[in-house]
Amino acid sequence: MDIRKLTSITDYFVICNGRSNIHVETIAESIVSKLKGKGIRPLHIEGEKQAQWLLIDYVGVIVHVFYEPTRKFYGLEKLWVEGKKVKFQEGKRKKPKRSSKL
């Protein structure tokens, strides 16, 4: 979700969910591992103990990995409804332009 015009905290949100706490942890670990393999490390990770909502902060991109009922409860997509949905296609990655807000 492109939120560059809405906030200065980040440029994009990636929002996904898993069907169990273990699934949430596995998704988050996979994201961190694959990006680490490309030399990209998160600034911060929150929520690892409970695995209901893991937040992985890559500064320009914040990844939210939810346990499915928790995602429905918090409804980030509704809170950020003005954000522009962006479809990701693996292998066809464009480098986003960095926001000038800060």
PDB file of N, CA and C in Angstrom:
ATOM      1  N   MET A   1       0.846  -1.157   0.000  1.00  0.00           N
ATOM      2  CA  MET A   1       0.000   0.000   0.000  1.00  0.00           C
ATOM      3  C   MET A   1       0.905   1.237   0.000  1.00  0.00           C
ATOM      4  N   ASP A   2       0.698   2.097  -0.950  1.00  0.00           N
ATOM      5  CA  ASP A   2       1.480   3.323  -1.081  1.00  0.00           C
ATOM      6  C   ASP A   2       0.855   4.395  -0.185  1.00  0.00           C
ATOM      7  N   ILE A   3       1.567   4.797   0.844  1.00  0.00           N
ATOM      8  CA  ILE A   3       1.045   5.804   1.776  1.00  0.00           C
ATOM      9  C   ILE A   3       1.936   7.045   1.828  1.00  0.00           C
ATOM     10  N   ARG A   4       2.754   7.242   0.804  1.00  0.00           N
ATOM     11  CA  ARG A   4       3.687   8.375   0.780  1.00  0.00           C
ATOM     12  C   ARG A   4       2.994   9.718   0.924  1.00  0.00           C
ATOM     13  N   LYS A   5       1.812   9.863   0.373  1.00  0.00           N
ATOM     14  CA  LYS A   5       1.114  11.147   0.436  1.00  0.00           C
ATOM     15  C   LYS A   5       0.344  11.340   1.734  1.00  0.00           C
ATOM     16  N   LEU A   6       0.318  10.306   2.588  1.00  0.00           N
ATOM     17  CA  LEU A   6      -0.485  10.351   3.807  1.00  0.00           C
ATOM     18  C   LEU A   6       0.312  10.516   5.097  1.00  0.00           C
ATOM     19  N   THR A   7       1.594  10.146   5.066  1.00  0.00           N
ATOM     20  CA  THR A   7       2.397  10.161   6.287  1.00  0.00           C
ATOM     21  C   THR A   7       3.877  10.269   5.962  1.00  0.00           C
ATOM     22  N   SER A   8       4.638  10.672   6.941  1.00  0.00           N
ATOM     23  CA  SER A   8       6.092  10.738   6.762  1.00  0.00           C
ATOM     24  C   SER A   8       6.800   9.566   7.446  1.00  0.00           C
ATOM     25  N   ILE A   9       6.053   8.666   8.090  1.00  0.00           N
ATOM     26  CA  ILE A   9       6.686   7.561   8.825  1.00  0.00           C
ATOM     27  C   ILE A   9       7.275   6.494   7.916  1.00  0.00           C
ATOM     28  N   THR A  10       6.697   6.305   6.734  1.00  0.00           N
ATOM     29  CA  THR A  10       7.176   5.317   5.776  1.00  0.00           C
ATOM     30  C   THR A  10       6.559   5.619   4.420  1.00  0.00           C
ATOM     31  N   ASP A  11       7.008   4.912   3.404  1.00  0.00           N
ATOM     32  CA  ASP A  11       6.441   5.083   2.070  1.00  0.00           C
ATOM     33  C   ASP A  11       5.380   4.030   1.756  1.00  0.00           C
ATOM     34  N   TYR A  12       5.632   2.806   2.225  1.00  0.00           N
ATOM     35  CA  TYR A  12       4.748   1.696   1.891  1.00  0.00           C
ATOM     36  C   TYR A  12       4.466   0.826   3.099  1.00  0.00           C
ATOM     37  N   PHE A  13       3.264   0.233   3.114  1.00  0.00           N
ATOM     38  CA  PHE A  13       2.906  -0.854   4.016  1.00  0.00           C
ATOM     39  C   PHE A  13       2.755  -2.107   3.160  1.00  0.00           C
ATOM     40  N   VAL A  14       3.277  -3.210   3.650  1.00  0.00           N
ATOM     41  CA  VAL A  14       2.963  -4.525   3.109  1.00  0.00           C
ATOM     42  C   VAL A  14       2.161  -5.207   4.198  1.00  0.00           C
ATOM     43  N   ILE A  15       0.952  -5.653   3.861  1.00  0.00           N
ATOM     44  CA  ILE A  15       0.059  -6.245   4.854  1.00  0.00           C
ATOM     45  C   ILE A  15      -0.311  -7.651   4.396  1.00  0.00           C
ATOM     46  N   CYS A  16      -0.052  -8.625   5.284  1.00  0.00           N
ATOM     47  CA  CYS A  16      -0.401 -10.009   4.970  1.00  0.00           C
ATOM     48  C   CYS A  16      -0.787 -10.712   6.260  1.00  0.00           C
ATOM     49  N   ASN A  17      -1.273 -11.940   6.150  1.00  0.00           N
ATOM     50  CA  ASN A  17      -1.671 -12.652   7.360  1.00  0.00           C
ATOM     51  C   ASN A  17      -1.412 -14.144   7.239  1.00  0.00           C
ATOM     52  N   GLY A  18      -1.375 -14.763   8.415  1.00  0.00           N
ATOM     53  CA  GLY A  18      -1.226 -16.204   8.521  1.00  0.00           C
ATOM     54  C   GLY A  18      -2.394 -16.782   9.293  1.00  0.00           C
ATOM     55  N   ARG A  19      -2.542 -18.101   9.231  1.00  0.00           N
ATOM     56  CA  ARG A  19      -3.693 -18.769   9.850  1.00  0.00           C
ATOM     57  C   ARG A  19      -3.442 -19.232  11.281  1.00  0.00           C
ATOM     58  N   SER A  20      -2.207 -19.089  11.743  1.00  0.00           N
ATOM     59  CA  SER A  20      -1.862 -19.465  13.116  1.00  0.00           C
ATOM     60  C   SER A  20      -0.638 -18.650  13.530  1.00  0.00           C
ATOM     61  N   ASN A  21      -0.335 -18.668  14.815  1.00  0.00           N
ATOM     62  CA  ASN A  21       0.858 -17.948  15.290  1.00  0.00           C
ATOM     63  C   ASN A  21       2.125 -18.475  14.625  1.00  0.00           C
ATOM     64  N   ILE A  22       2.202 -19.795  14.469  1.00  0.00           N
ATOM     65  CA  ILE A  22       3.372 -20.403  13.839  1.00  0.00           C
ATOM     66  C   ILE A  22       3.467 -19.963  12.379  1.00  0.00           C
ATOM     67  N   HIS A  23       2.329 -19.894  11.710  1.00  0.00           N
ATOM     68  CA  HIS A  23       2.303 -19.454  10.319  1.00  0.00           C
ATOM     69  C   HIS A  23       2.782 -18.007  10.214  1.00  0.00           C
ATOM     70  N   VAL A  24       2.318 -17.148  11.132  1.00  0.00           N
ATOM     71  CA  VAL A  24       2.737 -15.745  11.165  1.00  0.00           C
ATOM     72  C   VAL A  24       4.253 -15.661  11.351  1.00  0.00           C
ATOM     73  N   GLU A  25       4.780 -16.406  12.313  1.00  0.00           N
ATOM     74  CA  GLU A  25       6.230 -16.414  12.560  1.00  0.00           C
ATOM     75  C   GLU A  25       6.999 -16.874  11.332  1.00  0.00           C
ATOM     76  N   THR A  26       6.505 -17.916  10.673  1.00  0.00           N
ATOM     77  CA  THR A  26       7.174 -18.465   9.496  1.00  0.00           C
ATOM     78  C   THR A  26       7.183 -17.473   8.344  1.00  0.00           C
ATOM     79  N   ILE A  27       6.065 -16.791   8.133  1.00  0.00           N
ATOM     80  CA  ILE A  27       6.000 -15.770   7.079  1.00  0.00           C
ATOM     81  C   ILE A  27       7.016 -14.669   7.365  1.00  0.00           C
ATOM     82  N   ALA A  28       7.018 -14.174   8.599  1.00  0.00           N
ATOM     83  CA  ALA A  28       7.940 -13.096   8.976  1.00  0.00           C
ATOM     84  C   ALA A  28       9.395 -13.541   8.835  1.00  0.00           C
ATOM     85  N   GLU A  29       9.713 -14.737   9.311  1.00  0.00           N
ATOM     86  CA  GLU A  29      11.082 -15.255   9.208  1.00  0.00           C
ATOM     87  C   GLU A  29      11.510 -15.384   7.751  1.00  0.00           C
ATOM     88  N   SER A  30      10.606 -15.811   6.900  1.00  0.00           N
ATOM     89  CA  SER A  30      10.911 -15.953   5.481  1.00  0.00           C
ATOM     90  C   SER A  30      11.208 -14.593   4.841  1.00  0.00           C
ATOM     91  N   ILE A  31      10.402 -13.594   5.164  1.00  0.00           N
ATOM     92  CA  ILE A  31      10.625 -12.246   4.634  1.00  0.00           C
ATOM     93  C   ILE A  31      11.987 -11.726   5.063  1.00  0.00           C
ATOM     94  N   VAL A  32      12.265 -11.820   6.362  1.00  0.00           N
ATOM     95  CA  VAL A  32      13.531 -11.321   6.899  1.00  0.00           C
ATOM     96  C   VAL A  32      14.710 -12.073   6.282  1.00  0.00           C
ATOM     97  N   SER A  33      14.597 -13.391   6.174  1.00  0.00           N
ATOM     98  CA  SER A  33      15.686 -14.206   5.633  1.00  0.00           C
ATOM     99  C   SER A  33      15.960 -13.887   4.166  1.00  0.00           C
ATOM    100  N   LYS A  34      14.906 -13.784   3.368  1.00  0.00           N
ATOM    101  CA  LYS A  34      15.098 -13.518   1.933  1.00  0.00           C
ATOM    102  C   LYS A  34      15.688 -12.134   1.693  1.00  0.00           C
ATOM    103  N   LEU A  35      15.220 -11.158   2.438  1.00  0.00           N
ATOM    104  CA  LEU A  35      15.775  -9.813   2.267  1.00  0.00           C
ATOM    105  C   LEU A  35      17.191  -9.714   2.816  1.00  0.00           C
ATOM    106  N   LYS A  36      17.465 -10.435   3.898  1.00  0.00           N
ATOM    107  CA  LYS A  36      18.824 -10.459   4.448  1.00  0.00           C
ATOM    108  C   LYS A  36      19.791 -11.034   3.414  1.00  0.00           C
ATOM    109  N   GLY A  37      19.323 -12.032   2.669  1.00  0.00           N
ATOM    110  CA  GLY A  37      20.135 -12.624   1.608  1.00  0.00           C
ATOM    111  C   GLY A  37      20.462 -11.637   0.493  1.00  0.00           C
ATOM    112  N   LYS A  38      19.679 -10.587   0.386  1.00  0.00           N
ATOM    113  CA  LYS A  38      19.921  -9.531  -0.601  1.00  0.00           C
ATOM    114  C   LYS A  38      20.603  -8.317   0.026  1.00  0.00           C
ATOM    115  N   GLY A  39      21.045  -8.491   1.292  1.00  0.00           N
ATOM    116  CA  GLY A  39      21.753  -7.407   1.980  1.00  0.00           C
ATOM    117  C   GLY A  39      20.845  -6.363   2.606  1.00  0.00           C
ATOM    118  N   ILE A  40      19.561  -6.683   2.755  1.00  0.00           N
ATOM    119  CA  ILE A  40      18.598  -5.741   3.335  1.00  0.00           C
ATOM    120  C   ILE A  40      18.200  -6.243   4.714  1.00  0.00           C
ATOM    121  N   ARG A  41      18.472  -5.447   5.716  1.00  0.00           N
ATOM    122  CA  ARG A  41      18.174  -5.836   7.100  1.00  0.00           C
ATOM    123  C   ARG A  41      17.148  -4.867   7.698  1.00  0.00           C
ATOM    124  N   PRO A  42      16.252  -5.391   8.539  1.00  0.00           N
ATOM    125  CA  PRO A  42      15.263  -4.502   9.144  1.00  0.00           C
ATOM    126  C   PRO A  42      15.885  -3.600  10.202  1.00  0.00           C
ATOM    127  N   LEU A  43      15.310  -2.422  10.330  1.00  0.00           N
ATOM    128  CA  LEU A  43      15.710  -1.512  11.398  1.00  0.00           C
ATOM    129  C   LEU A  43      15.226  -2.047  12.739  1.00  0.00           C
ATOM    130  N   HIS A  44      14.014  -2.614  12.724  1.00  0.00           N
ATOM    131  CA  HIS A  44      13.394  -3.063  13.979  1.00  0.00           C
ATOM    132  C   HIS A  44      12.310  -4.099  13.670  1.00  0.00           C
ATOM    133  N   ILE A  45      12.124  -5.027  14.597  1.00  0.00           N
ATOM    134  CA  ILE A  45      11.037  -6.010  14.514  1.00  0.00           C
ATOM    135  C   ILE A  45      10.294  -5.984  15.838  1.00  0.00           C
ATOM    136  N   GLU A  46       8.951  -5.918  15.776  1.00  0.00           N
ATOM    137  CA  GLU A  46       8.126  -5.936  16.986  1.00  0.00           C
ATOM    138  C   GLU A  46       7.104  -7.059  16.910  1.00  0.00           C
ATOM    139  N   GLY A  47       6.703  -7.564  18.082  1.00  0.00           N
ATOM    140  CA  GLY A  47       5.616  -8.536  18.170  1.00  0.00           C
ATOM    141  C   GLY A  47       6.024  -9.979  18.065  1.00  0.00           C
ATOM    142  N   GLU A  48       7.312 -10.275  18.166  1.00  0.00           N
ATOM    143  CA  GLU A  48       7.776 -11.648  17.972  1.00  0.00           C
ATOM    144  C   GLU A  48       7.313 -12.608  19.065  1.00  0.00           C
ATOM    145  N   LYS A  49       7.134 -12.133  20.282  1.00  0.00           N
ATOM    146  CA  LYS A  49       6.770 -13.028  21.387  1.00  0.00           C
ATOM    147  C   LYS A  49       5.373 -13.605  21.232  1.00  0.00           C
ATOM    148  N   GLN A  50       4.402 -12.767  20.878  1.00  0.00           N
ATOM    149  CA  GLN A  50       3.025 -13.236  20.794  1.00  0.00           C
ATOM    150  C   GLN A  50       2.630 -13.701  19.401  1.00  0.00           C
ATOM    151  N   ALA A  51       3.290 -13.186  18.378  1.00  0.00           N
ATOM    152  CA  ALA A  51       3.048 -13.561  16.982  1.00  0.00           C
ATOM    153  C   ALA A  51       1.593 -13.378  16.557  1.00  0.00           C
ATOM    154  N   GLN A  52       0.957 -12.343  17.088  1.00  0.00           N
ATOM    155  CA  GLN A  52      -0.387 -11.973  16.641  1.00  0.00           C
ATOM    156  C   GLN A  52      -0.299 -10.905  15.549  1.00  0.00           C
ATOM    157  N   TRP A  53       0.730 -10.055  15.689  1.00  0.00           N
ATOM    158  CA  TRP A  53       0.960  -8.971  14.736  1.00  0.00           C
ATOM    159  C   TRP A  53       2.450  -8.661  14.771  1.00  0.00           C
ATOM    160  N   LEU A  54       3.165  -9.108  13.781  1.00  0.00           N
ATOM    161  CA  LEU A  54       4.586  -8.806  13.678  1.00  0.00           C
ATOM    162  C   LEU A  54       4.770  -7.620  12.751  1.00  0.00           C
ATOM    163  N   LEU A  55       5.528  -6.666  13.197  1.00  0.00           N
ATOM    164  CA  LEU A  55       5.838  -5.481  12.409  1.00  0.00           C
ATOM    165  C   LEU A  55       7.330  -5.522  12.110  1.00  0.00           C
ATOM    166  N   ILE A  56       7.661  -5.472  10.839  1.00  0.00           N
ATOM    167  CA  ILE A  56       9.058  -5.493  10.406  1.00  0.00           C
ATOM    168  C   ILE A  56       9.328  -4.170   9.709  1.00  0.00           C
ATOM    169  N   ASP A  57      10.180  -3.364  10.321  1.00  0.00           N
ATOM    170  CA  ASP A  57      10.424  -1.998   9.844  1.00  0.00           C
ATOM    171  C   ASP A  57      11.674  -1.943   8.977  1.00  0.00           C
ATOM    172  N   TYR A  58      11.453  -1.675   7.689  1.00  0.00           N
ATOM    173  CA  TYR A  58      12.554  -1.490   6.749  1.00  0.00           C
ATOM    174  C   TYR A  58      12.673  -0.019   6.342  1.00  0.00           C
ATOM    175  N   VAL A  59      12.214   0.878   7.192  1.00  0.00           N
ATOM    176  CA  VAL A  59      12.222   2.330   7.030  1.00  0.00           C
ATOM    177  C   VAL A  59      11.267   2.764   5.914  1.00  0.00           C
ATOM    178  N   GLY A  60      11.612   2.585   4.661  1.00  0.00           N
ATOM    179  CA  GLY A  60      10.735   2.992   3.562  1.00  0.00           C
ATOM    180  C   GLY A  60       9.569   2.045   3.353  1.00  0.00           C
ATOM    181  N   VAL A  61       9.673   0.855   3.927  1.00  0.00           N
ATOM    182  CA  VAL A  61       8.608  -0.150   3.847  1.00  0.00           C
ATOM    183  C   VAL A  61       8.433  -0.754   5.231  1.00  0.00           C
ATOM    184  N   ILE A  62       7.194  -0.792   5.691  1.00  0.00           N
ATOM    185  CA  ILE A  62       6.874  -1.470   6.950  1.00  0.00           C
ATOM    186  C   ILE A  62       5.997  -2.661   6.602  1.00  0.00           C
ATOM    187  N   VAL A  63       6.440  -3.841   7.012  1.00  0.00           N
ATOM    188  CA  VAL A  63       5.707  -5.081   6.748  1.00  0.00           C
ATOM    189  C   VAL A  63       4.906  -5.443   7.992  1.00  0.00           C
ATOM    190  N   HIS A  64       3.614  -5.650   7.819  1.00  0.00           N
ATOM    191  CA  HIS A  64       2.719  -6.082   8.891  1.00  0.00           C
ATOM    192  C   HIS A  64       2.305  -7.515   8.590  1.00  0.00           C
ATOM    193  N   VAL A  65       2.655  -8.445   9.474  1.00  0.00           N
ATOM    194  CA  VAL A  65       2.253  -9.839   9.322  1.00  0.00           C
ATOM    195  C   VAL A  65       1.315 -10.152  10.478  1.00  0.00           C
ATOM    196  N   PHE A  66       0.046 -10.356  10.165  1.00  0.00           N
ATOM    197  CA  PHE A  66      -0.989 -10.556  11.178  1.00  0.00           C
ATOM    198  C   PHE A  66      -1.418 -12.013  11.282  1.00  0.00           C
ATOM    199  N   TYR A  67      -1.867 -12.393  12.473  1.00  0.00           N
ATOM    200  CA  TYR A  67      -2.701 -13.571  12.646  1.00  0.00           C
ATOM    201  C   TYR A  67      -4.063 -13.131  12.110  1.00  0.00           C
ATOM    202  N   GLU A  68      -4.699 -13.944  11.277  1.00  0.00           N
ATOM    203  CA  GLU A  68      -5.879 -13.526  10.519  1.00  0.00           C
ATOM    204  C   GLU A  68      -6.958 -12.807  11.351  1.00  0.00           C
ATOM    205  N   PRO A  69      -7.395 -13.334  12.520  1.00  0.00           N
ATOM    206  CA  PRO A  69      -8.407 -12.609  13.299  1.00  0.00           C
ATOM    207  C   PRO A  69      -7.908 -11.241  13.802  1.00  0.00           C
ATOM    208  N   THR A  70      -6.622 -11.144  14.075  1.00  0.00           N
ATOM    209  CA  THR A  70      -6.049  -9.871  14.526  1.00  0.00           C
ATOM    210  C   THR A  70      -6.064  -8.860  13.388  1.00  0.00           C
ATOM    211  N   ARG A  71      -5.793  -9.308  12.184  1.00  0.00           N
ATOM    212  CA  ARG A  71      -5.852  -8.406  11.027  1.00  0.00           C
ATOM    213  C   ARG A  71      -7.264  -7.847  10.862  1.00  0.00           C
ATOM    214  N   LYS A  72      -8.256  -8.698  10.981  1.00  0.00           N
ATOM    215  CA  LYS A  72      -9.650  -8.249  10.860  1.00  0.00           C
ATOM    216  C   LYS A  72     -10.003  -7.261  11.975  1.00  0.00           C
ATOM    217  N   PHE A  73      -9.541  -7.542  13.193  1.00  0.00           N
ATOM    218  CA  PHE A  73      -9.848  -6.675  14.329  1.00  0.00           C
ATOM    219  C   PHE A  73      -9.288  -5.266  14.146  1.00  0.00           C
ATOM    220  N   TYR A  74      -8.015  -5.169  13.757  1.00  0.00           N
ATOM    221  CA  TYR A  74      -7.378  -3.854  13.633  1.00  0.00           C
ATOM    222  C   TYR A  74      -7.709  -3.138  12.325  1.00  0.00           C
ATOM    223  N   GLY A  75      -7.975  -3.864  11.276  1.00  0.00           N
ATOM    224  CA  GLY A  75      -8.411  -3.281  10.018  1.00  0.00           C
ATOM    225  C   GLY A  75      -7.537  -2.158   9.483  1.00  0.00           C
ATOM    226  N   LEU A  76      -6.233  -2.407   9.364  1.00  0.00           N
ATOM    227  CA  LEU A  76      -5.325  -1.368   8.859  1.00  0.00           C
ATOM    228  C   LEU A  76      -5.743  -0.840   7.491  1.00  0.00           C
ATOM    229  N   GLU A  77      -6.250  -1.727   6.655  1.00  0.00           N
ATOM    230  CA  GLU A  77      -6.684  -1.283   5.328  1.00  0.00           C
ATOM    231  C   GLU A  77      -7.795  -0.240   5.427  1.00  0.00           C
ATOM    232  N   LYS A  78      -8.648  -0.355   6.436  1.00  0.00           N
ATOM    233  CA  LYS A  78      -9.720   0.632   6.636  1.00  0.00           C
ATOM    234  C   LYS A  78      -9.162   1.934   7.213  1.00  0.00           C
ATOM    235  N   LEU A  79      -8.196   1.815   8.121  1.00  0.00           N
ATOM    236  CA  LEU A  79      -7.583   3.012   8.706  1.00  0.00           C
ATOM    237  C   LEU A  79      -6.810   3.816   7.671  1.00  0.00           C
ATOM    238  N   TRP A  80      -6.214   3.115   6.723  1.00  0.00           N
ATOM    239  CA  TRP A  80      -5.400   3.751   5.686  1.00  0.00           C
ATOM    240  C   TRP A  80      -6.097   3.646   4.327  1.00  0.00           C
ATOM    241  N   VAL A  81      -7.405   3.778   4.323  1.00  0.00           N
ATOM    242  CA  VAL A  81      -8.211   3.598   3.119  1.00  0.00           C
ATOM    243  C   VAL A  81      -7.779   4.515   1.971  1.00  0.00           C
ATOM    244  N   GLU A  82      -7.193   5.649   2.297  1.00  0.00           N
ATOM    245  CA  GLU A  82      -6.738   6.576   1.260  1.00  0.00           C
ATOM    246  C   GLU A  82      -5.418   6.145   0.632  1.00  0.00           C
ATOM    247  N   GLY A  83      -4.795   5.120   1.213  1.00  0.00           N
ATOM    248  CA  GLY A  83      -3.565   4.585   0.635  1.00  0.00           C
ATOM    249  C   GLY A  83      -3.864   3.905  -0.691  1.00  0.00           C
ATOM    250  N   LYS A  84      -2.906   3.959  -1.570  1.00  0.00           N
ATOM    251  CA  LYS A  84      -3.071   3.386  -2.900  1.00  0.00           C
ATOM    252  C   LYS A  84      -2.581   1.937  -2.895  1.00  0.00           C
ATOM    253  N   LYS A  85      -3.447   1.013  -3.285  1.00  0.00           N
ATOM    254  CA  LYS A  85      -3.043  -0.393  -3.342  1.00  0.00           C
ATOM    255  C   LYS A  85      -2.041  -0.598  -4.464  1.00  0.00           C
ATOM    256  N   VAL A  86      -1.000  -1.355  -4.160  1.00  0.00           N
ATOM    257  CA  VAL A  86       0.063  -1.644  -5.128  1.00  0.00           C
ATOM    258  C   VAL A  86       0.169  -3.152  -5.238  1.00  0.00           C
ATOM    259  N   LYS A  87       0.094  -3.657  -6.454  1.00  0.00           N
ATOM    260  CA  LYS A  87       0.242  -5.103  -6.661  1.00  0.00           C
ATOM    261  C   LYS A  87       1.713  -5.421  -6.862  1.00  0.00           C
ATOM    262  N   PHE A  88       2.169  -6.454  -6.177  1.00  0.00           N
ATOM    263  CA  PHE A  88       3.553  -6.901  -6.271  1.00  0.00           C
ATOM    264  C   PHE A  88       3.614  -8.123  -7.167  1.00  0.00           C
ATOM    265  N   GLN A  89       4.505  -8.062  -8.126  1.00  0.00           N
ATOM    266  CA  GLN A  89       4.740  -9.213  -8.982  1.00  0.00           C
ATOM    267  C   GLN A  89       6.199  -9.607  -8.838  1.00  0.00           C
ATOM    268  N   GLU A  90       6.432 -10.780  -8.295  1.00  0.00           N
ATOM    269  CA  GLU A  90       7.802 -11.226  -8.080  1.00  0.00           C
ATOM    270  C   GLU A  90       8.567 -11.244  -9.388  1.00  0.00           C
ATOM    271  N   GLY A  91       9.785 -10.720  -9.320  1.00  0.00           N
ATOM    272  CA  GLY A  91      10.639 -10.678 -10.491  1.00  0.00           C
ATOM    273  C   GLY A  91      10.466  -9.417 -11.319  1.00  0.00           C
ATOM    274  N   LYS A  92       9.413  -8.660 -11.077  1.00  0.00           N
ATOM    275  CA  LYS A  92       9.168  -7.418 -11.807  1.00  0.00           C
ATOM    276  C   LYS A  92       9.116  -6.266 -10.811  1.00  0.00           C
ATOM    277  N   ARG A  93      10.236  -6.012 -10.211  1.00  0.00           N
ATOM    278  CA  ARG A  93      10.331  -5.043  -9.138  1.00  0.00           C
ATOM    279  C   ARG A  93      10.852  -3.721  -9.665  1.00  0.00           C
ATOM    280  N   LYS A  94      10.119  -2.651  -9.377  1.00  0.00           N
ATOM    281  CA  LYS A  94      10.596  -1.313  -9.701  1.00  0.00           C
ATOM    282  C   LYS A  94      11.070  -0.663  -8.415  1.00  0.00           C
ATOM    283  N   LYS A  95      12.151   0.057  -8.497  1.00  0.00           N
ATOM    284  CA  LYS A  95      12.656   0.760  -7.335  1.00  0.00           C
ATOM    285  C   LYS A  95      11.761   1.972  -7.087  1.00  0.00           C
ATOM    286  N   PRO A  96      11.095   2.048  -5.893  1.00  0.00           N
ATOM    287  CA  PRO A  96      10.198   3.179  -5.641  1.00  0.00           C
ATOM    288  C   PRO A  96      10.985   4.477  -5.426  1.00  0.00           C
ATOM    289  N   LYS A  97      10.339   5.561  -5.801  1.00  0.00           N
ATOM    290  CA  LYS A  97      10.927   6.877  -5.547  1.00  0.00           C
ATOM    291  C   LYS A  97      10.731   7.194  -4.083  1.00  0.00           C
ATOM    292  N   ARG A  98      11.777   7.645  -3.439  1.00  0.00           N
ATOM    293  CA  ARG A  98      11.740   7.962  -2.011  1.00  0.00           C
ATOM    294  C   ARG A  98      10.989   9.263  -1.800  1.00  0.00           C
ATOM    295  N   SER A  99      10.137   9.265  -0.799  1.00  0.00           N
ATOM    296  CA  SER A  99       9.375  10.457  -0.445  1.00  0.00           C
ATOM    297  C   SER A  99      10.303  11.573   0.035  1.00  0.00           C
ATOM    298  N   SER A 100       9.957  12.814  -0.248  1.00  0.00           N
ATOM    299  CA  SER A 100      10.759  13.949   0.206  1.00  0.00           C
ATOM    300  C   SER A 100      10.318  14.446   1.568  1.00  0.00           C
ATOM    301  N   LYS A 101       9.262  13.796   2.151  1.00  0.00           N
ATOM    302  CA  LYS A 101       8.798  14.189   3.486  1.00  0.00           C
ATOM    303  C   LYS A 101       9.781  13.712   4.552  1.00  0.00           C
ATOM    304  N   LEU A 102      10.047  14.493   5.502  1.00  0.00           N
ATOM    305  CA  LEU A 102      10.827  14.117   6.689  1.00  0.00           C
ATOM    306  C   LEU A 102      11.037  15.271   7.549  1.00  0.00           C
TER     307      LEU A 102
END
